[in-house]
Structure formats: C-alpha cells, structure tokens
Amino acid sequence: MLCAMSQDSWEPPLSQPVLAGEARTDYERYLNSEELLALQKGPDEWVHRDELLFQVVHQSSELWLKLAWNDTGAAAVLVGEDDLGGALRLLRRASMCMRFITGQLDMLEQMSPWEYQEIRKALGHGSGFDSPGTTALRPAMARLGEAFQAARERAGLSLLDVYVHGRDHEQLYQLAEAMMELDEWLQTWRIRHYRVVARIIGEHVIGTQGTPVEVLGRLIHRVE
C-alpha cells in the first residue's frame, strides 16, 4: 500500500498533530492561535483601520508585562532562598520585557493625531493607568526589594558594603544592579509613553479618564 501512495500524498507521522484541539497543527493548538487572533476587532468593527495597530501594540505589551511581573515575583522567591544566580537570570528577562514594550511604542507614532482621535472614540474611559500588567509589576518589584534587603542583612552587609566591596560580594552586587536596571526600564517606558501621548494628543488635552496629559508627565517619577 505504501508503494502505491504518491510522494505528494505521503505525510510522515511527525507532521500530524497530537495535542487536543481542532486546529490544523500542534503549533496552532498549543498557542490557541485562533482564539488569540480573534481578540482583535475585525474590519467591520473598526472606527479606523489603525485600531488593529493600537490593539496589537497594547495587547502584546500586556503579554510581555505578564512575563515581567511573573519573573520578577519568582526572582523575589529565589532571593529568599539565596538562589541569587537564578534570580539574576529572571531579572534580566524582566528587563528585556520592558525594553520590548518601550520599543514598540514607536509603532503608535505611525498614527497621526487625527487618526488617534478617531480611535479614541472607541476607547471609552480606557487608560494606560488601568494596565493590569503595570499594576501587577509594581508590587512584584516591591517584594523583590524586600527580599534583597533581607538577603543583604543575612550577609551582614549594608548597602554601602555591597557597592564599595562589590567584587567581594559579586552576586549581591549584580542583583542590586539588575534591580536598578529593571526600575530604570520601567521609568524609561513611562517617559516614552508620556512623550507618545503628548505628541499624539497634545500636552494640555484631557485624557480618557479626565486627567490632563501634563499630569501624566508629573507622575512619571512618582515613587511607588
């Protein structure tokens, strides 16, 4: 029977999906790609075609933020277990997540102010202030800070000791630097986000939740 089959009709067993689901490939089944790609509005629902751009940027940002706050929280646990090397690896990933979402804000500047005003009609009272990703990241970073302070105290070191004698306490020093880098990326993202908003809608315009854009600028360096 195998000899009678044409080369075009023969598919090796490894090409067949084995995961549960109805999608054509295991790649699609594992990623739930059909559901994922259905989360954006379709053309018949757009108030402007750049709604797709707007949703893709923000939805993908929330996915990267989800990874960032999960890795940051897990890093805090590892620090509590004195696994500083494992924590460092996760914090580098979290910083990369923040770098990615900062970079993709460039995409929003490809919309003109007028195009954004059209999209804004569909946003209701939605605001970046309501981002579940940044809301979850802040307490994760706070827990990490507490875990670092506890690890430093267990080592009998002051913060000054960690920096002045950093080569003698390399992992604690590198952990402190990784925490600084993550915080720096969070601040960089805030500044970049503010500048994008100010460019698109203006400095003195009222935002979707009634907050003037310049207030957003003053909140950039707020201590959480």
N, C-alpha and C. Protein backbone atom coordinates (compact mmCIF):
# COMPACT_ATOMS: atom_id res chain seq x y z
N MET A 1 0.82 -1.20 0.00
CA MET A 1 0.00 0.00 0.00
C MET A 1 0.86 1.26 0.00
N LEU A 2 1.94 1.24 0.80
CA LEU A 2 2.79 2.42 0.88
C LEU A 2 3.42 2.73 -0.47
N CYS A 3 3.79 1.67 -1.20
CA CYS A 3 4.41 1.90 -2.50
C CYS A 3 3.44 2.52 -3.49
N ALA A 4 2.14 2.25 -3.27
CA ALA A 4 1.14 2.77 -4.20
C ALA A 4 0.82 4.23 -3.95
N MET A 5 1.22 4.76 -2.80
CA MET A 5 0.91 6.15 -2.48
C MET A 5 1.87 7.08 -3.20
N SER A 6 1.35 8.18 -3.72
CA SER A 6 2.22 9.15 -4.38
C SER A 6 3.05 9.89 -3.35
N GLN A 7 4.16 10.43 -3.80
CA GLN A 7 5.04 11.19 -2.89
C GLN A 7 4.32 12.38 -2.29
N ASP A 8 3.43 13.01 -3.07
CA ASP A 8 2.72 14.19 -2.59
C ASP A 8 1.73 13.86 -1.49
N SER A 9 1.17 12.63 -1.50
CA SER A 9 0.14 12.29 -0.52
C SER A 9 0.72 11.71 0.76
N TRP A 10 2.01 11.41 0.76
CA TRP A 10 2.63 10.81 1.93
C TRP A 10 3.05 11.89 2.92
N GLU A 11 2.59 11.74 4.15
CA GLU A 11 2.99 12.66 5.21
C GLU A 11 3.56 11.84 6.36
N PRO A 12 4.77 12.12 6.77
CA PRO A 12 5.34 11.39 7.89
C PRO A 12 4.49 11.58 9.14
N PRO A 13 4.46 10.60 10.02
CA PRO A 13 3.64 10.71 11.23
C PRO A 13 3.92 11.95 12.06
N LEU A 14 5.18 12.41 12.08
CA LEU A 14 5.53 13.57 12.91
C LEU A 14 4.89 14.86 12.42
N SER A 15 4.32 14.84 11.23
CA SER A 15 3.66 16.05 10.74
C SER A 15 2.22 16.15 11.21
N GLN A 16 1.73 15.10 11.86
CA GLN A 16 0.34 15.09 12.31
C GLN A 16 0.23 15.65 13.72
N PRO A 17 -0.78 16.46 14.01
CA PRO A 17 -0.94 16.99 15.37
C PRO A 17 -1.30 15.90 16.36
N VAL A 18 -0.80 16.03 17.57
CA VAL A 18 -1.10 15.07 18.63
C VAL A 18 -1.77 15.73 19.83
N LEU A 19 -1.74 17.05 19.90
CA LEU A 19 -2.37 17.75 21.02
C LEU A 19 -3.87 17.83 20.81
N ALA A 20 -4.60 17.95 21.92
CA ALA A 20 -6.06 18.06 21.83
C ALA A 20 -6.44 19.37 21.15
N GLY A 21 -7.49 19.33 20.38
CA GLY A 21 -7.96 20.54 19.70
C GLY A 21 -8.31 20.26 18.27
N GLU A 22 -8.84 21.27 17.61
CA GLU A 22 -9.29 21.09 16.23
C GLU A 22 -8.44 21.87 15.22
N ALA A 23 -7.48 22.64 15.69
CA ALA A 23 -6.65 23.41 14.76
C ALA A 23 -5.79 22.47 13.91
N ARG A 24 -5.30 22.98 12.82
CA ARG A 24 -4.60 22.16 11.83
C ARG A 24 -3.28 21.62 12.33
N THR A 25 -2.57 22.39 13.15
CA THR A 25 -1.24 21.98 13.60
C THR A 25 -1.14 22.08 15.12
N ASP A 26 -0.16 21.35 15.67
CA ASP A 26 0.08 21.45 17.11
C ASP A 26 0.54 22.84 17.51
N TYR A 27 1.24 23.54 16.62
CA TYR A 27 1.64 24.92 16.89
C TYR A 27 0.42 25.77 17.18
N GLU A 28 -0.59 25.67 16.32
CA GLU A 28 -1.81 26.46 16.49
C GLU A 28 -2.59 26.02 17.72
N ARG A 29 -2.60 24.71 17.97
CA ARG A 29 -3.34 24.20 19.13
C ARG A 29 -2.69 24.64 20.44
N TYR A 30 -1.36 24.54 20.51
CA TYR A 30 -0.67 24.91 21.74
C TYR A 30 -0.83 26.40 22.04
N LEU A 31 -0.71 27.23 21.03
CA LEU A 31 -0.78 28.68 21.22
C LEU A 31 -2.21 29.21 21.24
N ASN A 32 -3.19 28.34 20.98
CA ASN A 32 -4.57 28.82 20.84
C ASN A 32 -4.62 30.00 19.88
N SER A 33 -3.93 29.84 18.75
CA SER A 33 -3.77 30.97 17.84
C SER A 33 -5.09 31.47 17.28
N GLU A 34 -6.04 30.57 17.06
CA GLU A 34 -7.32 31.02 16.53
C GLU A 34 -8.00 31.97 17.50
N GLU A 35 -8.01 31.59 18.79
CA GLU A 35 -8.60 32.45 19.81
C GLU A 35 -7.79 33.73 19.98
N LEU A 36 -6.46 33.59 19.96
CA LEU A 36 -5.59 34.76 20.13
C LEU A 36 -5.84 35.80 19.04
N LEU A 37 -5.91 35.35 17.80
CA LEU A 37 -6.06 36.28 16.69
C LEU A 37 -7.49 36.78 16.54
N ALA A 38 -8.41 36.19 17.32
CA ALA A 38 -9.79 36.67 17.31
C ALA A 38 -10.03 37.73 18.39
N LEU A 39 -8.99 38.03 19.19
CA LEU A 39 -9.14 39.01 20.27
C LEU A 39 -9.12 40.44 19.76
N GLN A 40 -8.69 40.64 18.52
CA GLN A 40 -8.69 41.98 17.95
C GLN A 40 -9.99 42.19 17.16
N LYS A 41 -10.43 43.42 17.12
CA LYS A 41 -11.63 43.74 16.35
C LYS A 41 -11.41 43.41 14.88
N GLY A 42 -12.50 43.03 14.21
CA GLY A 42 -12.44 42.80 12.78
C GLY A 42 -12.71 44.08 12.01
N PRO A 43 -12.43 44.08 10.70
CA PRO A 43 -12.62 45.28 9.88
C PRO A 43 -14.01 45.87 9.97
N ASP A 44 -15.02 45.03 10.15
CA ASP A 44 -16.39 45.54 10.20
C ASP A 44 -16.69 46.27 11.51
N GLU A 45 -15.78 46.17 12.49
CA GLU A 45 -15.98 46.82 13.79
C GLU A 45 -15.10 48.06 13.97
N TRP A 46 -14.13 48.26 13.09
CA TRP A 46 -13.18 49.36 13.27
C TRP A 46 -13.86 50.71 13.09
N VAL A 47 -13.50 51.66 13.97
CA VAL A 47 -13.84 53.06 13.68
C VAL A 47 -12.75 53.67 12.79
N HIS A 48 -11.59 53.04 12.79
CA HIS A 48 -10.48 53.41 11.90
C HIS A 48 -9.62 52.17 11.75
N ARG A 49 -9.02 51.97 10.61
CA ARG A 49 -8.26 50.74 10.38
C ARG A 49 -7.06 50.61 11.32
N ASP A 50 -6.56 51.72 11.89
CA ASP A 50 -5.43 51.63 12.81
C ASP A 50 -5.83 51.15 14.20
N GLU A 51 -7.11 50.83 14.38
CA GLU A 51 -7.48 50.14 15.62
C GLU A 51 -6.71 48.84 15.77
N LEU A 52 -6.45 48.16 14.65
CA LEU A 52 -5.68 46.92 14.72
C LEU A 52 -4.28 47.19 15.25
N LEU A 53 -3.62 48.22 14.74
CA LEU A 53 -2.31 48.61 15.24
C LEU A 53 -2.38 48.91 16.73
N PHE A 54 -3.36 49.70 17.14
CA PHE A 54 -3.50 50.12 18.53
C PHE A 54 -3.69 48.90 19.45
N GLN A 55 -4.56 47.98 19.03
CA GLN A 55 -4.83 46.82 19.87
C GLN A 55 -3.64 45.87 19.93
N VAL A 56 -2.98 45.65 18.80
CA VAL A 56 -1.84 44.74 18.78
C VAL A 56 -0.72 45.26 19.69
N VAL A 57 -0.43 46.55 19.63
CA VAL A 57 0.61 47.12 20.48
C VAL A 57 0.26 46.93 21.96
N HIS A 58 -0.97 47.25 22.33
CA HIS A 58 -1.33 47.18 23.74
C HIS A 58 -1.53 45.75 24.23
N GLN A 59 -2.11 44.90 23.41
CA GLN A 59 -2.29 43.51 23.85
C GLN A 59 -0.95 42.80 23.98
N SER A 60 -0.05 43.00 23.02
CA SER A 60 1.27 42.37 23.12
C SER A 60 2.05 42.94 24.30
N SER A 61 1.87 44.22 24.60
CA SER A 61 2.53 44.81 25.78
C SER A 61 2.06 44.12 27.05
N GLU A 62 0.77 43.85 27.15
CA GLU A 62 0.26 43.18 28.35
C GLU A 62 0.84 41.77 28.49
N LEU A 63 1.07 41.09 27.37
CA LEU A 63 1.69 39.76 27.44
C LEU A 63 3.12 39.85 27.94
N TRP A 64 3.90 40.81 27.42
CA TRP A 64 5.27 40.98 27.91
C TRP A 64 5.28 41.40 29.37
N LEU A 65 4.34 42.26 29.76
CA LEU A 65 4.27 42.67 31.17
C LEU A 65 3.90 41.50 32.07
N LYS A 66 3.06 40.60 31.56
CA LYS A 66 2.71 39.41 32.34
C LYS A 66 3.95 38.58 32.63
N LEU A 67 4.80 38.41 31.61
CA LEU A 67 6.05 37.69 31.82
C LEU A 67 6.96 38.45 32.78
N ALA A 68 7.00 39.78 32.65
CA ALA A 68 7.87 40.59 33.50
C ALA A 68 7.48 40.47 34.96
N TRP A 69 6.18 40.60 35.27
CA TRP A 69 5.82 40.55 36.69
C TRP A 69 5.89 39.14 37.24
N ASN A 70 5.64 38.14 36.42
CA ASN A 70 5.80 36.76 36.89
C ASN A 70 7.27 36.46 37.18
N ASP A 71 8.16 36.87 36.28
CA ASP A 71 9.59 36.63 36.51
C ASP A 71 10.11 37.43 37.69
N THR A 72 9.62 38.65 37.86
CA THR A 72 10.07 39.46 38.99
C THR A 72 9.61 38.85 40.31
N GLY A 73 8.37 38.40 40.35
CA GLY A 73 7.87 37.74 41.56
C GLY A 73 8.62 36.46 41.86
N ALA A 74 8.91 35.68 40.82
CA ALA A 74 9.67 34.44 41.01
C ALA A 74 11.09 34.75 41.47
N ALA A 75 11.66 35.83 40.95
CA ALA A 75 13.01 36.23 41.37
C ALA A 75 13.03 36.57 42.86
N ALA A 76 11.98 37.22 43.34
CA ALA A 76 11.91 37.55 44.77
C ALA A 76 11.93 36.28 45.62
N VAL A 77 11.21 35.25 45.17
CA VAL A 77 11.20 33.98 45.90
C VAL A 77 12.59 33.36 45.90
N LEU A 78 13.27 33.39 44.76
CA LEU A 78 14.61 32.81 44.67
C LEU A 78 15.61 33.56 45.55
N VAL A 79 15.47 34.87 45.63
CA VAL A 79 16.35 35.64 46.51
C VAL A 79 16.13 35.20 47.96
N GLY A 80 14.87 34.97 48.32
CA GLY A 80 14.58 34.49 49.67
C GLY A 80 15.19 33.14 49.96
N GLU A 81 15.44 32.36 48.90
CA GLU A 81 16.07 31.04 49.04
C GLU A 81 17.58 31.12 48.83
N ASP A 82 18.11 32.33 48.71
CA ASP A 82 19.54 32.59 48.47
C ASP A 82 20.03 32.02 47.14
N ASP A 83 19.11 31.86 46.19
CA ASP A 83 19.50 31.47 44.83
C ASP A 83 19.60 32.75 44.00
N LEU A 84 20.68 33.49 44.23
CA LEU A 84 20.83 34.79 43.58
C LEU A 84 21.11 34.65 42.09
N GLY A 85 21.79 33.59 41.69
CA GLY A 85 22.06 33.38 40.28
C GLY A 85 20.78 33.17 39.49
N GLY A 86 19.88 32.35 40.04
CA GLY A 86 18.59 32.13 39.38
C GLY A 86 17.77 33.40 39.31
N ALA A 87 17.82 34.18 40.39
CA ALA A 87 17.07 35.44 40.41
C ALA A 87 17.61 36.41 39.36
N LEU A 88 18.92 36.46 39.21
CA LEU A 88 19.52 37.35 38.21
C LEU A 88 19.06 37.01 36.80
N ARG A 89 18.99 35.72 36.50
CA ARG A 89 18.56 35.32 35.16
C ARG A 89 17.14 35.79 34.89
N LEU A 90 16.25 35.65 35.87
CA LEU A 90 14.87 36.08 35.68
C LEU A 90 14.76 37.59 35.58
N LEU A 91 15.57 38.31 36.33
CA LEU A 91 15.50 39.77 36.27
C LEU A 91 16.01 40.31 34.94
N ARG A 92 16.99 39.65 34.37
CA ARG A 92 17.44 40.07 33.03
C ARG A 92 16.31 39.90 32.02
N ARG A 93 15.55 38.81 32.16
CA ARG A 93 14.42 38.61 31.26
C ARG A 93 13.36 39.67 31.47
N ALA A 94 13.09 40.01 32.73
CA ALA A 94 12.07 41.03 33.02
C ALA A 94 12.47 42.37 32.41
N SER A 95 13.76 42.71 32.50
CA SER A 95 14.22 43.97 31.89
C SER A 95 14.09 43.93 30.37
N MET A 96 14.34 42.76 29.78
CA MET A 96 14.16 42.63 28.34
C MET A 96 12.70 42.86 27.95
N CYS A 97 11.79 42.35 28.77
CA CYS A 97 10.36 42.58 28.52
C CYS A 97 10.05 44.07 28.48
N MET A 98 10.59 44.81 29.43
CA MET A 98 10.34 46.25 29.48
C MET A 98 10.98 46.95 28.29
N ARG A 99 12.13 46.46 27.86
CA ARG A 99 12.77 47.04 26.68
C ARG A 99 11.91 46.81 25.44
N PHE A 100 11.33 45.62 25.34
CA PHE A 100 10.48 45.32 24.18
C PHE A 100 9.27 46.24 24.14
N ILE A 101 8.58 46.42 25.28
CA ILE A 101 7.35 47.22 25.24
C ILE A 101 7.67 48.70 25.06
N THR A 102 8.86 49.12 25.49
CA THR A 102 9.26 50.51 25.25
C THR A 102 9.51 50.73 23.76
N GLY A 103 10.18 49.78 23.13
CA GLY A 103 10.48 49.91 21.71
C GLY A 103 9.25 49.91 20.83
N GLN A 104 8.26 49.10 21.20
CA GLN A 104 7.11 49.01 20.31
C GLN A 104 6.18 50.21 20.42
N LEU A 105 6.43 51.10 21.37
CA LEU A 105 5.68 52.35 21.40
C LEU A 105 5.95 53.18 20.14
N ASP A 106 7.09 52.92 19.50
CA ASP A 106 7.38 53.62 18.24
C ASP A 106 6.26 53.40 17.23
N MET A 107 5.63 52.24 17.29
CA MET A 107 4.56 51.93 16.33
C MET A 107 3.40 52.91 16.46
N LEU A 108 3.11 53.35 17.69
CA LEU A 108 1.97 54.25 17.88
C LEU A 108 2.21 55.60 17.23
N GLU A 109 3.48 55.97 17.07
CA GLU A 109 3.78 57.25 16.42
C GLU A 109 3.58 57.19 14.92
N GLN A 110 3.27 56.01 14.41
CA GLN A 110 2.94 55.89 13.00
C GLN A 110 1.49 56.30 12.72
N MET A 111 0.74 56.57 13.80
CA MET A 111 -0.61 57.14 13.64
C MET A 111 -0.52 58.65 13.72
N SER A 112 -1.30 59.32 12.91
CA SER A 112 -1.36 60.78 13.01
C SER A 112 -2.28 61.15 14.17
N PRO A 113 -2.16 62.37 14.71
CA PRO A 113 -3.08 62.81 15.76
C PRO A 113 -4.54 62.66 15.36
N TRP A 114 -4.86 62.93 14.10
CA TRP A 114 -6.25 62.82 13.66
C TRP A 114 -6.70 61.36 13.68
N GLU A 115 -5.83 60.45 13.26
CA GLU A 115 -6.19 59.02 13.26
C GLU A 115 -6.43 58.54 14.68
N TYR A 116 -5.60 59.00 15.63
CA TYR A 116 -5.82 58.60 17.01
C TYR A 116 -7.14 59.15 17.54
N GLN A 117 -7.49 60.37 17.16
CA GLN A 117 -8.76 60.94 17.63
C GLN A 117 -9.94 60.09 17.17
N GLU A 118 -9.82 59.49 15.99
CA GLU A 118 -10.88 58.60 15.53
C GLU A 118 -10.93 57.34 16.39
N ILE A 119 -9.78 56.76 16.69
CA ILE A 119 -9.72 55.56 17.52
C ILE A 119 -10.19 55.84 18.93
N ARG A 120 -9.88 57.03 19.41
CA ARG A 120 -10.22 57.40 20.79
C ARG A 120 -11.72 57.28 21.05
N LYS A 121 -12.52 57.44 20.00
CA LYS A 121 -13.97 57.34 20.17
C LYS A 121 -14.38 55.95 20.64
N ALA A 122 -13.55 54.95 20.37
CA ALA A 122 -13.89 53.57 20.72
C ALA A 122 -13.31 53.13 22.06
N LEU A 123 -12.55 54.00 22.74
CA LEU A 123 -11.82 53.60 23.93
C LEU A 123 -12.61 53.74 25.22
N GLY A 124 -13.74 54.40 25.18
CA GLY A 124 -14.48 54.64 26.41
C GLY A 124 -13.63 55.40 27.40
N HIS A 125 -13.56 54.92 28.65
CA HIS A 125 -12.72 55.54 29.66
C HIS A 125 -11.41 54.76 29.84
N GLY A 126 -11.08 53.93 28.85
CA GLY A 126 -9.86 53.14 28.94
C GLY A 126 -8.62 54.02 28.99
N SER A 127 -7.69 53.64 29.86
CA SER A 127 -6.48 54.44 30.07
C SER A 127 -5.31 53.53 30.40
N GLY A 128 -4.11 53.97 30.03
CA GLY A 128 -2.91 53.23 30.41
C GLY A 128 -2.76 53.11 31.92
N PHE A 129 -3.38 54.01 32.68
CA PHE A 129 -3.36 53.90 34.13
C PHE A 129 -3.97 52.58 34.60
N ASP A 130 -4.83 51.98 33.78
CA ASP A 130 -5.54 50.77 34.15
C ASP A 130 -4.83 49.50 33.69
N SER A 131 -3.63 49.61 33.18
CA SER A 131 -2.91 48.44 32.69
C SER A 131 -2.75 47.39 33.79
N PRO A 132 -3.32 46.19 33.61
CA PRO A 132 -3.15 45.16 34.64
C PRO A 132 -1.70 44.72 34.77
N GLY A 133 -0.93 44.83 33.68
CA GLY A 133 0.47 44.42 33.74
C GLY A 133 1.31 45.31 34.63
N THR A 134 1.18 46.62 34.46
CA THR A 134 1.96 47.53 35.31
C THR A 134 1.43 47.52 36.74
N THR A 135 0.13 47.30 36.90
CA THR A 135 -0.45 47.20 38.24
C THR A 135 0.14 46.01 38.99
N ALA A 136 0.36 44.89 38.28
CA ALA A 136 0.93 43.70 38.90
C ALA A 136 2.44 43.80 39.08
N LEU A 137 3.11 44.54 38.20
CA LEU A 137 4.57 44.63 38.27
C LEU A 137 5.03 45.41 39.50
N ARG A 138 4.31 46.45 39.86
CA ARG A 138 4.76 47.30 40.97
C ARG A 138 4.88 46.52 42.29
N PRO A 139 3.85 45.77 42.72
CA PRO A 139 4.02 45.01 43.97
C PRO A 139 5.06 43.90 43.85
N ALA A 140 5.23 43.34 42.66
CA ALA A 140 6.26 42.31 42.48
C ALA A 140 7.64 42.92 42.69
N MET A 141 7.85 44.15 42.20
CA MET A 141 9.13 44.82 42.41
C MET A 141 9.32 45.18 43.88
N ALA A 142 8.23 45.52 44.56
CA ALA A 142 8.34 45.83 45.99
C ALA A 142 8.74 44.58 46.78
N ARG A 143 8.16 43.43 46.43
CA ARG A 143 8.53 42.18 47.11
C ARG A 143 9.99 41.84 46.84
N LEU A 144 10.43 42.10 45.64
CA LEU A 144 11.83 41.86 45.30
C LEU A 144 12.75 42.74 46.13
N GLY A 145 12.38 44.00 46.29
CA GLY A 145 13.18 44.90 47.11
C GLY A 145 13.28 44.42 48.54
N GLU A 146 12.17 43.95 49.08
CA GLU A 146 12.18 43.43 50.46
C GLU A 146 13.05 42.19 50.56
N ALA A 147 12.98 41.32 49.55
CA ALA A 147 13.79 40.10 49.56
C ALA A 147 15.28 40.44 49.48
N PHE A 148 15.62 41.45 48.69
CA PHE A 148 17.01 41.87 48.58
C PHE A 148 17.52 42.40 49.92
N GLN A 149 16.73 43.24 50.56
CA GLN A 149 17.15 43.80 51.85
C GLN A 149 17.37 42.69 52.87
N ALA A 150 16.48 41.68 52.86
CA ALA A 150 16.63 40.57 53.79
C ALA A 150 17.89 39.77 53.48
N ALA A 151 18.18 39.56 52.19
CA ALA A 151 19.39 38.82 51.81
C ALA A 151 20.64 39.59 52.21
N ARG A 152 20.59 40.89 52.04
CA ARG A 152 21.73 41.74 52.42
C ARG A 152 21.97 41.65 53.92
N GLU A 153 20.88 41.69 54.69
CA GLU A 153 21.01 41.61 56.15
C GLU A 153 21.52 40.24 56.59
N ARG A 154 21.08 39.18 55.90
CA ARG A 154 21.59 37.84 56.24
C ARG A 154 23.09 37.76 56.00
N ALA A 155 23.56 38.49 55.01
CA ALA A 155 25.00 38.50 54.71
C ALA A 155 25.77 39.45 55.63
N GLY A 156 25.04 40.18 56.48
CA GLY A 156 25.68 41.11 57.40
C GLY A 156 26.28 42.32 56.71
N LEU A 157 25.64 42.75 55.63
CA LEU A 157 26.19 43.85 54.82
C LEU A 157 25.23 45.02 54.78
N SER A 158 25.78 46.21 54.75
CA SER A 158 24.99 47.40 54.44
C SER A 158 24.95 47.56 52.93
N LEU A 159 24.07 48.41 52.45
CA LEU A 159 24.04 48.67 51.02
C LEU A 159 25.35 49.28 50.56
N LEU A 160 25.94 50.12 51.41
CA LEU A 160 27.24 50.70 51.09
C LEU A 160 28.30 49.61 50.93
N ASP A 161 28.26 48.61 51.82
CA ASP A 161 29.21 47.50 51.72
C ASP A 161 29.07 46.77 50.38
N VAL A 162 27.83 46.57 49.97
CA VAL A 162 27.58 45.84 48.72
C VAL A 162 28.23 46.55 47.55
N TYR A 163 28.22 47.87 47.57
CA TYR A 163 28.78 48.63 46.45
C TYR A 163 30.27 48.91 46.60
N VAL A 164 30.70 49.25 47.80
CA VAL A 164 32.13 49.55 47.99
C VAL A 164 32.97 48.28 47.84
N HIS A 165 32.44 47.16 48.34
CA HIS A 165 33.16 45.89 48.27
C HIS A 165 32.42 44.92 47.36
N GLY A 166 31.90 45.46 46.27
CA GLY A 166 31.06 44.66 45.38
C GLY A 166 31.74 43.43 44.82
N ARG A 167 33.05 43.51 44.55
CA ARG A 167 33.76 42.36 43.97
C ARG A 167 33.91 41.23 44.98
N ASP A 168 33.76 41.56 46.26
CA ASP A 168 33.79 40.52 47.29
C ASP A 168 32.42 39.90 47.50
N HIS A 169 31.40 40.54 47.00
CA HIS A 169 30.02 40.06 47.15
C HIS A 169 29.33 40.19 45.80
N GLU A 170 29.92 39.53 44.82
CA GLU A 170 29.56 39.75 43.42
C GLU A 170 28.08 39.55 43.14
N GLN A 171 27.49 38.47 43.64
CA GLN A 171 26.10 38.19 43.29
C GLN A 171 25.14 39.21 43.90
N LEU A 172 25.39 39.61 45.13
CA LEU A 172 24.54 40.65 45.73
C LEU A 172 24.68 41.96 44.97
N TYR A 173 25.90 42.28 44.58
CA TYR A 173 26.12 43.50 43.80
C TYR A 173 25.40 43.42 42.46
N GLN A 174 25.55 42.29 41.76
CA GLN A 174 24.89 42.14 40.47
C GLN A 174 23.37 42.15 40.62
N LEU A 175 22.86 41.61 41.71
CA LEU A 175 21.43 41.64 41.96
C LEU A 175 20.95 43.07 42.15
N ALA A 176 21.70 43.85 42.92
CA ALA A 176 21.33 45.26 43.12
C ALA A 176 21.31 46.00 41.79
N GLU A 177 22.30 45.73 40.94
CA GLU A 177 22.36 46.38 39.63
C GLU A 177 21.21 45.93 38.73
N ALA A 178 20.85 44.65 38.80
CA ALA A 178 19.74 44.15 37.98
C ALA A 178 18.42 44.78 38.41
N MET A 179 18.26 45.00 39.71
CA MET A 179 17.06 45.67 40.20
C MET A 179 17.02 47.12 39.72
N MET A 180 18.17 47.77 39.74
CA MET A 180 18.25 49.14 39.24
C MET A 180 17.91 49.19 37.76
N GLU A 181 18.40 48.21 37.01
CA GLU A 181 18.14 48.19 35.57
C GLU A 181 16.65 48.02 35.29
N LEU A 182 15.99 47.12 36.02
CA LEU A 182 14.56 46.92 35.83
C LEU A 182 13.79 48.20 36.15
N ASP A 183 14.15 48.85 37.26
CA ASP A 183 13.48 50.10 37.61
C ASP A 183 13.74 51.18 36.56
N GLU A 184 14.96 51.20 36.05
CA GLU A 184 15.30 52.19 35.01
C GLU A 184 14.46 51.96 33.75
N TRP A 185 14.27 50.68 33.38
CA TRP A 185 13.45 50.40 32.20
C TRP A 185 12.00 50.77 32.43
N LEU A 186 11.51 50.57 33.66
CA LEU A 186 10.14 50.97 33.96
C LEU A 186 9.99 52.48 33.81
N GLN A 187 10.96 53.24 34.33
CA GLN A 187 10.91 54.69 34.19
C GLN A 187 11.06 55.12 32.73
N THR A 188 11.92 54.43 32.00
CA THR A 188 12.11 54.75 30.58
C THR A 188 10.82 54.52 29.81
N TRP A 189 10.14 53.42 30.12
CA TRP A 189 8.86 53.13 29.46
C TRP A 189 7.83 54.22 29.79
N ARG A 190 7.78 54.64 31.05
CA ARG A 190 6.83 55.69 31.44
C ARG A 190 7.09 56.99 30.68
N ILE A 191 8.36 57.36 30.62
CA ILE A 191 8.72 58.60 29.92
C ILE A 191 8.37 58.50 28.44
N ARG A 192 8.71 57.36 27.84
CA ARG A 192 8.43 57.18 26.41
C ARG A 192 6.93 57.19 26.17
N HIS A 193 6.18 56.53 27.04
CA HIS A 193 4.72 56.50 26.90
C HIS A 193 4.14 57.91 26.98
N TYR A 194 4.63 58.68 27.94
CA TYR A 194 4.16 60.06 28.09
C TYR A 194 4.46 60.87 26.84
N ARG A 195 5.67 60.73 26.30
CA ARG A 195 6.03 61.51 25.12
C ARG A 195 5.19 61.12 23.91
N VAL A 196 4.86 59.84 23.78
CA VAL A 196 4.00 59.41 22.68
C VAL A 196 2.62 60.03 22.82
N VAL A 197 2.07 59.97 24.05
CA VAL A 197 0.74 60.55 24.29
C VAL A 197 0.75 62.04 24.01
N ALA A 198 1.77 62.74 24.52
CA ALA A 198 1.84 64.19 24.32
C ALA A 198 1.97 64.53 22.84
N ARG A 199 2.70 63.73 22.10
CA ARG A 199 2.86 64.00 20.67
C ARG A 199 1.56 63.79 19.92
N ILE A 200 0.82 62.75 20.29
CA ILE A 200 -0.38 62.39 19.52
C ILE A 200 -1.57 63.27 19.87
N ILE A 201 -1.75 63.57 21.17
CA ILE A 201 -2.96 64.33 21.53
C ILE A 201 -2.67 65.71 22.10
N GLY A 202 -1.40 66.01 22.43
CA GLY A 202 -1.07 67.34 22.93
C GLY A 202 -0.90 67.38 24.43
N GLU A 203 -0.15 68.37 24.91
CA GLU A 203 0.20 68.48 26.33
C GLU A 203 -0.99 68.82 27.22
N HIS A 204 -1.90 69.65 26.76
CA HIS A 204 -2.93 70.19 27.65
C HIS A 204 -4.32 69.61 27.36
N VAL A 205 -4.35 68.49 26.67
CA VAL A 205 -5.62 67.84 26.34
C VAL A 205 -6.03 66.95 27.51
N ILE A 206 -7.34 66.84 27.73
CA ILE A 206 -7.87 65.97 28.78
C ILE A 206 -7.89 64.54 28.26
N GLY A 207 -7.36 63.61 29.07
CA GLY A 207 -7.30 62.21 28.67
C GLY A 207 -8.63 61.50 28.82
N THR A 208 -8.63 60.19 28.54
CA THR A 208 -9.88 59.42 28.52
C THR A 208 -10.51 59.29 29.89
N GLN A 209 -9.74 59.50 30.97
CA GLN A 209 -10.32 59.44 32.31
C GLN A 209 -10.39 60.82 32.96
N GLY A 210 -10.32 61.86 32.13
CA GLY A 210 -10.47 63.21 32.65
C GLY A 210 -9.21 63.81 33.21
N THR A 211 -8.06 63.14 33.02
CA THR A 211 -6.79 63.63 33.55
C THR A 211 -6.03 64.36 32.46
N PRO A 212 -5.60 65.60 32.69
CA PRO A 212 -4.80 66.31 31.69
C PRO A 212 -3.49 65.58 31.41
N VAL A 213 -3.04 65.64 30.18
CA VAL A 213 -1.83 64.93 29.79
C VAL A 213 -0.62 65.40 30.59
N GLU A 214 -0.55 66.68 30.93
CA GLU A 214 0.62 67.17 31.67
C GLU A 214 0.71 66.54 33.06
N VAL A 215 -0.45 66.12 33.62
CA VAL A 215 -0.43 65.43 34.91
C VAL A 215 0.28 64.09 34.77
N LEU A 216 0.05 63.41 33.65
CA LEU A 216 0.75 62.16 33.38
C LEU A 216 2.26 62.39 33.43
N GLY A 217 2.70 63.50 32.87
CA GLY A 217 4.12 63.83 32.89
C GLY A 217 4.64 63.99 34.31
N ARG A 218 3.84 64.59 35.19
CA ARG A 218 4.29 64.79 36.57
C ARG A 218 4.32 63.49 37.36
N LEU A 219 3.57 62.49 36.91
CA LEU A 219 3.50 61.22 37.62
C LEU A 219 4.62 60.26 37.22
N ILE A 220 5.40 60.62 36.21
CA ILE A 220 6.41 59.71 35.68
C ILE A 220 7.36 59.23 36.77
N HIS A 221 7.82 60.15 37.61
CA HIS A 221 8.83 59.80 38.60
C HIS A 221 8.23 59.55 39.99
N ARG A 222 6.93 59.30 40.03
CA ARG A 222 6.30 59.03 41.32
C ARG A 222 6.87 57.76 41.93
N VAL A 223 7.18 57.80 43.21
CA VAL A 223 7.71 56.63 43.91
C VAL A 223 6.54 55.73 44.27
N GLU A 224 6.63 54.45 43.88
CA GLU A 224 5.56 53.50 44.18
C GLU A 224 5.74 52.92 45.57
